[in-house]
Amino acid sequence: MSSGKTVLSVRDLKLYYRTRKGVVKALEEINFDLEKEDVLAVVGESGCGKSTLARALVRVLPRNIHTYEGKVFLNGRNVMELDEEAFRREVRWKKISIVFQGAMNSFNPVYKIGQQVAEPLVIHDNVEKKEALKKARQLIELMGMPGVFAERYPFELSGGMKQRAAIAMALITNPEIVILDEPTSALDVLTQANIINLLKRIKNEFRLSYIFITHDLGLASELANKVAVIYAGKIVELSSADVFYTEPKHPYSRGLIASVPTLTTDRKPEFISGAPPSLIDPPSGCRFHPRCRFAWDKCSAEEPGMIKVGEDHLVRCWLYGDGK
């Protein structure tokens, strides 16, 4: 449950990539707050900008950056003003860590798991290697694995075990915020459930805040108390999870909810027609209007801003007012 203390505020975050075909407008007008012990689920189709947001927050970016600007306040301090060395030393992994999508790719195959879990502690906190390895072993046990697994190589662990080790690596420096980028996407259903239960437990034990990036609305409902829906690089709806799952407002959000099968009704899953737009040349006006069954003339002519439709509920759609 949220404590009411805001630990992360993102304002007007923008990230563009330079490519041979043109400039990709990967993220624009990203605004949200994350409070202590919040879990913000970031949902949307593949290619909408979810993982780009994760990388933008921890500043793990490719070389072809065209534009990277905005404000990211961490406990009131704008960390976008820090140079790369200061950000690495003071923020990345110290305050905000990340569990990358696909634990298989998070580990060096020639180093033991314990060494890799301990490495952030050695680099960022200057802890002696022996002490760091001891803490890594303890944390691996806390993740529900035998401590001896610290002496194993990545190929000796199953997918679920590697995911637990990746989570341990993200927690080793006691960060305030952990970004989970599709942490269960490559796992079977039973292992997914075990990982979600683990995430719930360690969130309470460590009093963590999560940004949970996923395309699985069912998983998001298990963990999140807030939801941000991204479409074509922009947040189109931001609300509490209770409101989002019962009263989604944006036509895209409604389509996402309607696409999820249910066990309690005979309703057939629906689908959203069309395909996501190119972010090199996005549609004019509302980026969703070519696929929206509610679209009217204004939708293609003018882009809506975020409109308040309830307490802590914002939606980017002309159906709900003039926008600001």
C-alpha atoms as a PDB file:
ATOM      1  CA  MET A   1       0.000   0.000   0.000  1.00  0.00           C
ATOM      2  CA  SER A   2       1.231   3.475  -0.868  1.00  0.00           C
ATOM      3  CA  SER A   3       2.698   5.553   1.991  1.00  0.00           C
ATOM      4  CA  GLY A   4       1.815   8.900   0.417  1.00  0.00           C
ATOM      5  CA  LYS A   5       5.467   9.930   0.042  1.00  0.00           C
ATOM      6  CA  THR A   6       6.402  10.633  -3.569  1.00  0.00           C
ATOM      7  CA  VAL A   7       9.757   9.050  -4.427  1.00  0.00           C
ATOM      8  CA  LEU A   8       9.741   9.564  -8.203  1.00  0.00           C
ATOM      9  CA  SER A   9       8.163  12.300 -10.330  1.00  0.00           C
ATOM     10  CA  VAL A  10       8.557  12.262 -14.110  1.00  0.00           C
ATOM     11  CA  ARG A  11       7.739  15.437 -16.014  1.00  0.00           C
ATOM     12  CA  ASP A  12       7.641  15.885 -19.792  1.00  0.00           C
ATOM     13  CA  LEU A  13      10.104  13.079 -20.460  1.00  0.00           C
ATOM     14  CA  LYS A  14      10.978  12.842 -24.136  1.00  0.00           C
ATOM     15  CA  LEU A  15      13.209  10.339 -25.914  1.00  0.00           C
ATOM     16  CA  TYR A  16      13.828  10.194 -29.666  1.00  0.00           C
ATOM     17  CA  TYR A  17      16.113   7.821 -31.569  1.00  0.00           C
ATOM     18  CA  ARG A  18      18.021   8.652 -34.732  1.00  0.00           C
ATOM     19  CA  THR A  19      17.726   5.987 -37.471  1.00  0.00           C
ATOM     20  CA  ARG A  20      18.453   5.748 -41.195  1.00  0.00           C
ATOM     21  CA  LYS A  21      14.762   6.055 -41.960  1.00  0.00           C
ATOM     22  CA  GLY A  22      14.267   9.099 -39.758  1.00  0.00           C
ATOM     23  CA  VAL A  23      13.790  10.149 -36.139  1.00  0.00           C
ATOM     24  CA  VAL A  24      11.782   7.690 -34.024  1.00  0.00           C
ATOM     25  CA  LYS A  25       9.613   9.545 -31.494  1.00  0.00           C
ATOM     26  CA  ALA A  26       9.813   6.755 -28.937  1.00  0.00           C
ATOM     27  CA  LEU A  27       8.519   8.692 -25.910  1.00  0.00           C
ATOM     28  CA  GLU A  28       6.761  12.036 -25.558  1.00  0.00           C
ATOM     29  CA  GLU A  29       4.982  13.921 -22.775  1.00  0.00           C
ATOM     30  CA  ILE A  30       5.580  11.224 -20.149  1.00  0.00           C
ATOM     31  CA  ASN A  31       4.279  12.429 -16.778  1.00  0.00           C
ATOM     32  CA  PHE A  32       3.595  10.381 -13.651  1.00  0.00           C
ATOM     33  CA  ASP A  33       4.339  10.125  -9.927  1.00  0.00           C
ATOM     34  CA  LEU A  34       5.421   7.053  -8.008  1.00  0.00           C
ATOM     35  CA  GLU A  35       4.889   6.956  -4.273  1.00  0.00           C
ATOM     36  CA  LYS A  36       6.666   4.889  -1.649  1.00  0.00           C
ATOM     37  CA  GLU A  37       5.525   1.246  -1.871  1.00  0.00           C
ATOM     38  CA  ASP A  38       3.467   1.951  -5.001  1.00  0.00           C
ATOM     39  CA  VAL A  39       3.373  -0.550  -7.849  1.00  0.00           C
ATOM     40  CA  LEU A  40       2.810   1.228 -11.150  1.00  0.00           C
ATOM     41  CA  ALA A  41       1.988  -1.142 -14.003  1.00  0.00           C
ATOM     42  CA  VAL A  42       2.967   0.194 -17.435  1.00  0.00           C
ATOM     43  CA  VAL A  43       0.941  -1.633 -20.086  1.00  0.00           C
ATOM     44  CA  GLY A  44       0.503  -1.489 -23.843  1.00  0.00           C
ATOM     45  CA  GLU A  45       1.268  -3.304 -27.083  1.00  0.00           C
ATOM     46  CA  SER A  46       4.767  -4.323 -28.147  1.00  0.00           C
ATOM     47  CA  GLY A  47       6.686  -1.353 -29.510  1.00  0.00           C
ATOM     48  CA  CYS A  48       4.652   1.276 -27.657  1.00  0.00           C
ATOM     49  CA  GLY A  49       7.607   2.497 -25.565  1.00  0.00           C
ATOM     50  CA  LYS A  50       7.358   0.514 -22.318  1.00  0.00           C
ATOM     51  CA  SER A  51      10.929  -0.818 -22.291  1.00  0.00           C
ATOM     52  CA  THR A  52      12.201   2.486 -23.664  1.00  0.00           C
ATOM     53  CA  LEU A  53      10.720   4.175 -20.590  1.00  0.00           C
ATOM     54  CA  ALA A  54      12.571   1.736 -18.326  1.00  0.00           C
ATOM     55  CA  ARG A  55      15.875   2.413 -20.052  1.00  0.00           C
ATOM     56  CA  ALA A  56      15.268   6.157 -19.997  1.00  0.00           C
ATOM     57  CA  LEU A  57      14.748   6.123 -16.216  1.00  0.00           C
ATOM     58  CA  VAL A  58      17.990   4.242 -15.497  1.00  0.00           C
ATOM     59  CA  ARG A  59      19.780   5.961 -18.401  1.00  0.00           C
ATOM     60  CA  VAL A  60      20.841   2.752 -20.124  1.00  0.00           C
ATOM     61  CA  LEU A  61      20.528   4.072 -23.663  1.00  0.00           C
ATOM     62  CA  PRO A  62      21.875   3.221 -27.123  1.00  0.00           C
ATOM     63  CA  ARG A  63      24.219   5.545 -28.972  1.00  0.00           C
ATOM     64  CA  ASN A  64      21.718   6.759 -31.550  1.00  0.00           C
ATOM     65  CA  ILE A  65      19.938   9.194 -29.222  1.00  0.00           C
ATOM     66  CA  HIS A  66      18.466  12.208 -30.996  1.00  0.00           C
ATOM     67  CA  THR A  67      16.608  13.846 -28.075  1.00  0.00           C
ATOM     68  CA  TYR A  68      16.620  12.969 -24.392  1.00  0.00           C
ATOM     69  CA  GLU A  69      15.096  15.611 -22.148  1.00  0.00           C
ATOM     70  CA  GLY A  70      12.596  16.300 -19.397  1.00  0.00           C
ATOM     71  CA  LYS A  71      12.734  16.170 -15.627  1.00  0.00           C
ATOM     72  CA  VAL A  72      13.013  13.130 -13.380  1.00  0.00           C
ATOM     73  CA  PHE A  73      12.772  14.012  -9.700  1.00  0.00           C
ATOM     74  CA  LEU A  74      14.056  11.366  -7.301  1.00  0.00           C
ATOM     75  CA  ASN A  75      13.087  12.344  -3.747  1.00  0.00           C
ATOM     76  CA  GLY A  76      12.777  15.928  -4.982  1.00  0.00           C
ATOM     77  CA  ARG A  77      16.100  16.059  -6.828  1.00  0.00           C
ATOM     78  CA  ASN A  78      16.158  16.377 -10.606  1.00  0.00           C
ATOM     79  CA  VAL A  79      18.565  13.594 -11.565  1.00  0.00           C
ATOM     80  CA  MET A  80      18.429  14.585 -15.251  1.00  0.00           C
ATOM     81  CA  GLU A  81      20.834  17.377 -14.293  1.00  0.00           C
ATOM     82  CA  LEU A  82      23.502  14.863 -13.247  1.00  0.00           C
ATOM     83  CA  ASP A  83      26.294  13.944 -15.655  1.00  0.00           C
ATOM     84  CA  GLU A  84      26.766  10.290 -16.542  1.00  0.00           C
ATOM     85  CA  GLU A  85      29.419   9.590 -13.901  1.00  0.00           C
ATOM     86  CA  ALA A  86      27.394  11.181 -11.094  1.00  0.00           C
ATOM     87  CA  PHE A  87      24.249   9.347 -12.228  1.00  0.00           C
ATOM     88  CA  ARG A  88      26.118   6.023 -12.260  1.00  0.00           C
ATOM     89  CA  ARG A  89      27.621   6.676  -8.851  1.00  0.00           C
ATOM     90  CA  GLU A  90      24.562   8.089  -7.074  1.00  0.00           C
ATOM     91  CA  VAL A  91      21.419   6.812  -8.813  1.00  0.00           C
ATOM     92  CA  ARG A  92      21.721   3.771 -11.074  1.00  0.00           C
ATOM     93  CA  TRP A  93      21.461   0.639  -8.933  1.00  0.00           C
ATOM     94  CA  LYS A  94      21.895   2.693  -5.743  1.00  0.00           C
ATOM     95  CA  LYS A  95      18.427   4.264  -5.891  1.00  0.00           C
ATOM     96  CA  ILE A  96      16.835   2.736  -8.999  1.00  0.00           C
ATOM     97  CA  SER A  97      17.631  -0.751 -10.257  1.00  0.00           C
ATOM     98  CA  ILE A  98      16.150  -2.816 -13.061  1.00  0.00           C
ATOM     99  CA  VAL A  99      15.320  -6.439 -13.805  1.00  0.00           C
ATOM    100  CA  PHE A 100      15.713  -6.697 -17.552  1.00  0.00           C
ATOM    101  CA  GLN A 101      13.434  -8.663 -19.819  1.00  0.00           C
ATOM    102  CA  GLY A 102      14.746 -12.200 -20.275  1.00  0.00           C
ATOM    103  CA  ALA A 103      16.959 -13.281 -17.368  1.00  0.00           C
ATOM    104  CA  MET A 104      18.895 -15.522 -19.777  1.00  0.00           C
ATOM    105  CA  ASN A 105      20.528 -12.414 -21.234  1.00  0.00           C
ATOM    106  CA  SER A 106      21.203 -10.726 -17.892  1.00  0.00           C
ATOM    107  CA  PHE A 107      24.088 -12.991 -16.913  1.00  0.00           C
ATOM    108  CA  ASN A 108      27.590 -13.540 -18.231  1.00  0.00           C
ATOM    109  CA  PRO A 109      27.808 -17.293 -18.928  1.00  0.00           C
ATOM    110  CA  VAL A 110      31.419 -17.610 -17.734  1.00  0.00           C
ATOM    111  CA  TYR A 111      30.911 -16.126 -14.237  1.00  0.00           C
ATOM    112  CA  LYS A 112      29.201 -17.783 -11.287  1.00  0.00           C
ATOM    113  CA  ILE A 113      25.798 -16.503 -10.205  1.00  0.00           C
ATOM    114  CA  GLY A 114      27.054 -15.350  -6.809  1.00  0.00           C
ATOM    115  CA  GLN A 115      29.784 -13.225  -8.375  1.00  0.00           C
ATOM    116  CA  GLN A 116      27.309 -11.510 -10.657  1.00  0.00           C
ATOM    117  CA  VAL A 117      24.738 -10.872  -7.927  1.00  0.00           C
ATOM    118  CA  ALA A 118      27.500  -9.411  -5.736  1.00  0.00           C
ATOM    119  CA  GLU A 119      29.041  -7.233  -8.458  1.00  0.00           C
ATOM    120  CA  PRO A 120      26.780  -4.151  -8.020  1.00  0.00           C
ATOM    121  CA  LEU A 121      27.637  -4.100  -4.311  1.00  0.00           C
ATOM    122  CA  VAL A 122      31.370  -4.111  -5.093  1.00  0.00           C
ATOM    123  CA  ILE A 123      31.087  -1.448  -7.804  1.00  0.00           C
ATOM    124  CA  HIS A 124      28.561   0.934  -6.277  1.00  0.00           C
ATOM    125  CA  ASP A 125      29.165   0.534  -2.516  1.00  0.00           C
ATOM    126  CA  ASN A 126      32.874  -0.391  -2.575  1.00  0.00           C
ATOM    127  CA  VAL A 127      32.173  -3.438  -0.423  1.00  0.00           C
ATOM    128  CA  GLU A 128      34.952  -5.994  -0.094  1.00  0.00           C
ATOM    129  CA  LYS A 129      34.455  -8.892  -2.493  1.00  0.00           C
ATOM    130  CA  LYS A 130      34.290 -11.506   0.269  1.00  0.00           C
ATOM    131  CA  GLU A 131      31.621  -9.564   2.164  1.00  0.00           C
ATOM    132  CA  ALA A 132      29.688  -8.892  -1.038  1.00  0.00           C
ATOM    133  CA  LEU A 133      29.667 -12.596  -1.899  1.00  0.00           C
ATOM    134  CA  LYS A 134      28.377 -13.396   1.582  1.00  0.00           C
ATOM    135  CA  LYS A 135      25.497 -10.936   1.188  1.00  0.00           C
ATOM    136  CA  ALA A 136      24.785 -12.254  -2.312  1.00  0.00           C
ATOM    137  CA  ARG A 137      24.491 -15.773  -0.938  1.00  0.00           C
ATOM    138  CA  GLN A 138      22.084 -14.567   1.776  1.00  0.00           C
ATOM    139  CA  LEU A 139      19.977 -12.736  -0.789  1.00  0.00           C
ATOM    140  CA  ILE A 140      19.882 -15.766  -3.073  1.00  0.00           C
ATOM    141  CA  GLU A 141      18.527 -17.774  -0.129  1.00  0.00           C
ATOM    142  CA  LEU A 142      15.945 -15.043   0.486  1.00  0.00           C
ATOM    143  CA  MET A 143      14.834 -15.523  -3.118  1.00  0.00           C
ATOM    144  CA  GLY A 144      13.896 -19.105  -2.233  1.00  0.00           C
ATOM    145  CA  MET A 145      16.980 -20.887  -3.594  1.00  0.00           C
ATOM    146  CA  PRO A 146      19.696 -22.852  -1.750  1.00  0.00           C
ATOM    147  CA  GLY A 147      22.728 -20.683  -0.987  1.00  0.00           C
ATOM    148  CA  VAL A 148      24.932 -23.189  -2.824  1.00  0.00           C
ATOM    149  CA  PHE A 149      23.405 -21.920  -6.070  1.00  0.00           C
ATOM    150  CA  ALA A 150      25.747 -18.947  -5.737  1.00  0.00           C
ATOM    151  CA  GLU A 151      28.503 -21.305  -6.892  1.00  0.00           C
ATOM    152  CA  ARG A 152      26.662 -22.352 -10.039  1.00  0.00           C
ATOM    153  CA  TYR A 153      26.922 -20.958 -13.535  1.00  0.00           C
ATOM    154  CA  PRO A 154      23.874 -19.485 -15.329  1.00  0.00           C
ATOM    155  CA  PHE A 155      23.453 -22.508 -17.614  1.00  0.00           C
ATOM    156  CA  GLU A 156      23.000 -24.710 -14.531  1.00  0.00           C
ATOM    157  CA  LEU A 157      19.872 -22.834 -13.452  1.00  0.00           C
ATOM    158  CA  SER A 158      16.334 -23.087 -14.788  1.00  0.00           C
ATOM    159  CA  GLY A 159      14.532 -20.066 -16.199  1.00  0.00           C
ATOM    160  CA  GLY A 160      12.695 -19.416 -12.950  1.00  0.00           C
ATOM    161  CA  MET A 161      15.891 -19.695 -10.913  1.00  0.00           C
ATOM    162  CA  LYS A 162      17.707 -17.293 -13.219  1.00  0.00           C
ATOM    163  CA  GLN A 163      14.819 -14.838 -12.836  1.00  0.00           C
ATOM    164  CA  ARG A 164      15.098 -15.072  -9.045  1.00  0.00           C
ATOM    165  CA  ALA A 165      18.847 -14.462  -9.308  1.00  0.00           C
ATOM    166  CA  ALA A 166      18.206 -11.421 -11.533  1.00  0.00           C
ATOM    167  CA  ILE A 167      15.836 -10.039  -8.897  1.00  0.00           C
ATOM    168  CA  ALA A 168      18.492 -10.648  -6.231  1.00  0.00           C
ATOM    169  CA  MET A 169      20.999  -8.712  -8.355  1.00  0.00           C
ATOM    170  CA  ALA A 170      18.550  -5.790  -8.549  1.00  0.00           C
ATOM    171  CA  LEU A 171      18.059  -5.791  -4.754  1.00  0.00           C
ATOM    172  CA  ILE A 172      21.660  -6.197  -3.608  1.00  0.00           C
ATOM    173  CA  THR A 173      22.271  -2.443  -3.107  1.00  0.00           C
ATOM    174  CA  ASN A 174      18.935  -1.819  -1.341  1.00  0.00           C
ATOM    175  CA  PRO A 175      17.412   0.540  -3.944  1.00  0.00           C
ATOM    176  CA  GLU A 176      14.165   2.403  -3.325  1.00  0.00           C
ATOM    177  CA  ILE A 177      12.729   1.672  -6.768  1.00  0.00           C
ATOM    178  CA  VAL A 178      12.931  -1.493  -8.845  1.00  0.00           C
ATOM    179  CA  ILE A 179      11.891  -1.480 -12.498  1.00  0.00           C
ATOM    180  CA  LEU A 180      10.584  -4.878 -13.615  1.00  0.00           C
ATOM    181  CA  ASP A 181      10.677  -5.140 -17.400  1.00  0.00           C
ATOM    182  CA  GLU A 182       8.503  -8.123 -18.375  1.00  0.00           C
ATOM    183  CA  PRO A 183      10.026 -10.193 -15.533  1.00  0.00           C
ATOM    184  CA  THR A 184       7.914 -13.284 -16.260  1.00  0.00           C
ATOM    185  CA  SER A 185       7.496 -13.184 -20.043  1.00  0.00           C
ATOM    186  CA  ALA A 186       9.701 -16.208 -20.781  1.00  0.00           C
ATOM    187  CA  LEU A 187       8.365 -18.391 -17.960  1.00  0.00           C
ATOM    188  CA  ASP A 188       5.634 -20.997 -17.740  1.00  0.00           C
ATOM    189  CA  VAL A 189       2.386 -20.149 -15.941  1.00  0.00           C
ATOM    190  CA  LEU A 190       3.249 -21.889 -12.654  1.00  0.00           C
ATOM    191  CA  THR A 191       6.686 -20.272 -12.484  1.00  0.00           C
ATOM    192  CA  GLN A 192       5.095 -16.911 -13.295  1.00  0.00           C
ATOM    193  CA  ALA A 193       2.807 -17.283 -10.290  1.00  0.00           C
ATOM    194  CA  ASN A 194       5.751 -18.158  -8.050  1.00  0.00           C
ATOM    195  CA  ILE A 195       7.727 -15.116  -9.230  1.00  0.00           C
ATOM    196  CA  ILE A 196       4.743 -12.804  -8.700  1.00  0.00           C
ATOM    197  CA  ASN A 197       4.315 -14.146  -5.151  1.00  0.00           C
ATOM    198  CA  LEU A 198       8.039 -13.601  -4.559  1.00  0.00           C
ATOM    199  CA  LEU A 199       7.778 -10.015  -5.817  1.00  0.00           C
ATOM    200  CA  LYS A 200       4.876  -9.354  -3.470  1.00  0.00           C
ATOM    201  CA  ARG A 201       6.786 -10.706  -0.498  1.00  0.00           C
ATOM    202  CA  ILE A 202      10.038  -8.841  -1.090  1.00  0.00           C
ATOM    203  CA  LYS A 203       8.142  -5.626  -1.835  1.00  0.00           C
ATOM    204  CA  ASN A 204       6.689  -5.746   1.668  1.00  0.00           C
ATOM    205  CA  GLU A 205       9.929  -6.852   3.307  1.00  0.00           C
ATOM    206  CA  PHE A 206      12.087  -4.199   1.603  1.00  0.00           C
ATOM    207  CA  ARG A 207       9.318  -1.527   1.395  1.00  0.00           C
ATOM    208  CA  LEU A 208      10.008  -1.142  -2.316  1.00  0.00           C
ATOM    209  CA  SER A 209       8.317   0.802  -5.076  1.00  0.00           C
ATOM    210  CA  TYR A 210       7.936  -1.030  -8.384  1.00  0.00           C
ATOM    211  CA  ILE A 211       7.477   0.037 -11.970  1.00  0.00           C
ATOM    212  CA  PHE A 212       6.087  -3.151 -13.480  1.00  0.00           C
ATOM    213  CA  ILE A 213       6.268  -3.217 -17.273  1.00  0.00           C
ATOM    214  CA  THR A 214       4.097  -5.853 -18.889  1.00  0.00           C
ATOM    215  CA  HIS A 215       1.729  -6.643 -21.738  1.00  0.00           C
ATOM    216  CA  ASP A 216      -0.133  -9.116 -19.505  1.00  0.00           C
ATOM    217  CA  LEU A 217      -3.081  -7.319 -17.903  1.00  0.00           C
ATOM    218  CA  GLY A 218      -3.820 -10.329 -15.715  1.00  0.00           C
ATOM    219  CA  LEU A 219      -0.372 -10.224 -14.128  1.00  0.00           C
ATOM    220  CA  ALA A 220      -0.604  -6.467 -13.727  1.00  0.00           C
ATOM    221  CA  SER A 221      -3.827  -6.864 -11.749  1.00  0.00           C
ATOM    222  CA  GLU A 222      -2.049  -9.179  -9.313  1.00  0.00           C
ATOM    223  CA  LEU A 223       0.625  -6.677  -8.356  1.00  0.00           C
ATOM    224  CA  ALA A 224      -0.265  -3.099  -9.305  1.00  0.00           C
ATOM    225  CA  ASN A 225      -2.171  -0.415  -7.449  1.00  0.00           C
ATOM    226  CA  LYS A 226      -1.753   2.087 -10.313  1.00  0.00           C
ATOM    227  CA  VAL A 227      -1.811   1.638 -14.093  1.00  0.00           C
ATOM    228  CA  ALA A 228      -0.329   3.726 -16.907  1.00  0.00           C
ATOM    229  CA  VAL A 229      -1.405   2.806 -20.437  1.00  0.00           C
ATOM    230  CA  ILE A 230       1.073   3.748 -23.185  1.00  0.00           C
ATOM    231  CA  TYR A 231       0.125   3.973 -26.843  1.00  0.00           C
ATOM    232  CA  ALA A 232       2.574   5.029 -29.566  1.00  0.00           C
ATOM    233  CA  GLY A 233       5.004   6.611 -27.106  1.00  0.00           C
ATOM    234  CA  LYS A 234       2.490   8.554 -24.999  1.00  0.00           C
ATOM    235  CA  ILE A 235       0.575   7.811 -21.826  1.00  0.00           C
ATOM    236  CA  VAL A 236      -3.100   7.745 -22.808  1.00  0.00           C
ATOM    237  CA  GLU A 237      -4.574   6.773 -19.447  1.00  0.00           C
ATOM    238  CA  LEU A 238      -3.329   6.956 -15.862  1.00  0.00           C
ATOM    239  CA  SER A 239      -5.414   5.794 -12.910  1.00  0.00           C
ATOM    240  CA  SER A 240      -5.652   3.540  -9.890  1.00  0.00           C
ATOM    241  CA  ALA A 241      -5.776  -0.152 -10.739  1.00  0.00           C
ATOM    242  CA  ASP A 242      -9.255  -0.514  -9.206  1.00  0.00           C
ATOM    243  CA  VAL A 243     -10.655   2.138 -11.530  1.00  0.00           C
ATOM    244  CA  PHE A 244      -8.751   0.972 -14.583  1.00  0.00           C
ATOM    245  CA  TYR A 245      -9.983  -2.618 -14.394  1.00  0.00           C
ATOM    246  CA  THR A 246     -13.607  -1.659 -13.727  1.00  0.00           C
ATOM    247  CA  GLU A 247     -14.021   1.631 -15.618  1.00  0.00           C
ATOM    248  CA  PRO A 248     -11.367   2.117 -18.334  1.00  0.00           C
ATOM    249  CA  LYS A 249     -12.023   5.341 -20.208  1.00  0.00           C
ATOM    250  CA  HIS A 250      -9.724   5.561 -23.219  1.00  0.00           C
ATOM    251  CA  PRO A 251     -10.957   3.526 -26.229  1.00  0.00           C
ATOM    252  CA  TYR A 252      -7.544   1.841 -26.396  1.00  0.00           C
ATOM    253  CA  SER A 253      -7.735   0.872 -22.712  1.00  0.00           C
ATOM    254  CA  ARG A 254     -11.225  -0.502 -23.264  1.00  0.00           C
ATOM    255  CA  GLY A 255      -9.913  -2.553 -26.158  1.00  0.00           C
ATOM    256  CA  LEU A 256      -7.104  -3.978 -24.029  1.00  0.00           C
ATOM    257  CA  ILE A 257      -9.504  -4.969 -21.253  1.00  0.00           C
ATOM    258  CA  ALA A 258     -11.984  -6.445 -23.751  1.00  0.00           C
ATOM    259  CA  SER A 259      -9.232  -8.599 -25.286  1.00  0.00           C
ATOM    260  CA  VAL A 260      -8.659 -10.490 -22.018  1.00  0.00           C
ATOM    261  CA  PRO A 261     -10.661 -13.764 -21.690  1.00  0.00           C
ATOM    262  CA  THR A 262     -12.817 -14.105 -18.580  1.00  0.00           C
ATOM    263  CA  LEU A 263     -13.756 -17.190 -16.575  1.00  0.00           C
ATOM    264  CA  THR A 264     -16.956 -15.822 -15.038  1.00  0.00           C
ATOM    265  CA  THR A 265     -18.844 -14.688 -18.148  1.00  0.00           C
ATOM    266  CA  ASP A 266     -19.587 -15.949 -21.650  1.00  0.00           C
ATOM    267  CA  ARG A 267     -18.213 -12.774 -23.240  1.00  0.00           C
ATOM    268  CA  LYS A 268     -15.962 -13.467 -26.178  1.00  0.00           C
ATOM    269  CA  PRO A 269     -12.603 -11.685 -26.249  1.00  0.00           C
ATOM    270  CA  GLU A 270     -12.501  -8.751 -28.650  1.00  0.00           C
ATOM    271  CA  PHE A 271      -9.590  -7.314 -30.603  1.00  0.00           C
ATOM    272  CA  ILE A 272      -8.334  -3.893 -31.623  1.00  0.00           C
ATOM    273  CA  SER A 273      -8.371  -3.581 -35.391  1.00  0.00           C
ATOM    274  CA  GLY A 274      -5.384  -2.248 -37.315  1.00  0.00           C
ATOM    275  CA  ALA A 275      -1.754  -2.008 -36.275  1.00  0.00           C
ATOM    276  CA  PRO A 276       0.274   0.413 -34.134  1.00  0.00           C
ATOM    277  CA  PRO A 277       1.475   3.453 -36.086  1.00  0.00           C
ATOM    278  CA  SER A 278       4.998   4.251 -37.182  1.00  0.00           C
ATOM    279  CA  LEU A 279       6.736   6.425 -34.594  1.00  0.00           C
ATOM    280  CA  ILE A 280       8.823   7.991 -37.359  1.00  0.00           C
ATOM    281  CA  ASP A 281       5.705   9.523 -38.881  1.00  0.00           C
ATOM    282  CA  PRO A 282       2.885   9.196 -36.320  1.00  0.00           C
ATOM    283  CA  PRO A 283      -0.697  10.135 -37.249  1.00  0.00           C
ATOM    284  CA  SER A 284      -1.846  13.710 -36.840  1.00  0.00           C
ATOM    285  CA  GLY A 285      -4.065  14.543 -33.897  1.00  0.00           C
ATOM    286  CA  CYS A 286      -4.731  11.634 -31.570  1.00  0.00           C
ATOM    287  CA  ARG A 287      -2.334   8.824 -32.421  1.00  0.00           C
ATOM    288  CA  PHE A 288      -5.018   6.227 -31.823  1.00  0.00           C
ATOM    289  CA  HIS A 289      -7.671   7.757 -34.093  1.00  0.00           C
ATOM    290  CA  PRO A 290      -6.986   5.529 -37.174  1.00  0.00           C
ATOM    291  CA  ARG A 291      -7.950   2.494 -35.072  1.00  0.00           C
ATOM    292  CA  CYS A 292     -10.647   4.067 -32.896  1.00  0.00           C
ATOM    293  CA  ARG A 293     -14.311   3.309 -33.537  1.00  0.00           C
ATOM    294  CA  PHE A 294     -15.292   6.498 -31.658  1.00  0.00           C
ATOM    295  CA  ALA A 295     -13.075   8.842 -33.695  1.00  0.00           C
ATOM    296  CA  TRP A 296     -14.543  12.060 -35.122  1.00  0.00           C
ATOM    297  CA  ASP A 297     -13.153  15.031 -37.073  1.00  0.00           C
ATOM    298  CA  LYS A 298     -11.418  16.676 -34.119  1.00  0.00           C
ATOM    299  CA  CYS A 299      -9.500  13.481 -33.306  1.00  0.00           C
ATOM    300  CA  SER A 300      -7.491  13.642 -36.533  1.00  0.00           C
ATOM    301  CA  ALA A 301      -7.105  17.425 -36.504  1.00  0.00           C
ATOM    302  CA  GLU A 302      -5.983  18.160 -32.927  1.00  0.00           C
ATOM    303  CA  GLU A 303      -4.033  16.184 -30.382  1.00  0.00           C
ATOM    304  CA  PRO A 304      -5.753  15.902 -26.982  1.00  0.00           C
ATOM    305  CA  GLY A 305      -3.988  16.593 -23.731  1.00  0.00           C
ATOM    306  CA  MET A 306      -4.458  14.672 -20.513  1.00  0.00           C
ATOM    307  CA  ILE A 307      -7.983  15.288 -19.204  1.00  0.00           C
ATOM    308  CA  LYS A 308      -9.008  14.713 -15.587  1.00  0.00           C
ATOM    309  CA  VAL A 309     -12.059  12.452 -15.449  1.00  0.00           C
ATOM    310  CA  GLY A 310     -11.946  11.496 -11.775  1.00  0.00           C
ATOM    311  CA  GLU A 311      -9.795  11.595  -8.690  1.00  0.00           C
ATOM    312  CA  ASP A 312      -6.260  10.681  -9.824  1.00  0.00           C
ATOM    313  CA  HIS A 313      -7.693   9.536 -13.153  1.00  0.00           C
ATOM    314  CA  LEU A 314      -6.367  11.104 -16.363  1.00  0.00           C
ATOM    315  CA  VAL A 315      -7.166  10.207 -19.963  1.00  0.00           C
ATOM    316  CA  ARG A 316      -5.892  11.539 -23.309  1.00  0.00           C
ATOM    317  CA  CYS A 317      -9.101  11.549 -25.360  1.00  0.00           C
ATOM    318  CA  TRP A 318     -11.463  14.126 -26.905  1.00  0.00           C
ATOM    319  CA  LEU A 319     -14.458  12.107 -25.727  1.00  0.00           C
ATOM    320  CA  TYR A 320     -14.001  13.559 -22.251  1.00  0.00           C
ATOM    321  CA  GLY A 321     -13.498  17.292 -22.760  1.00  0.00           C
ATOM    322  CA  ASP A 322     -11.170  19.896 -24.173  1.00  0.00           C
ATOM    323  CA  GLY A 323      -7.885  18.698 -22.650  1.00  0.00           C
ATOM    324  CA  LYS A 324      -5.152  20.899 -21.288  1.00  0.00           C
END
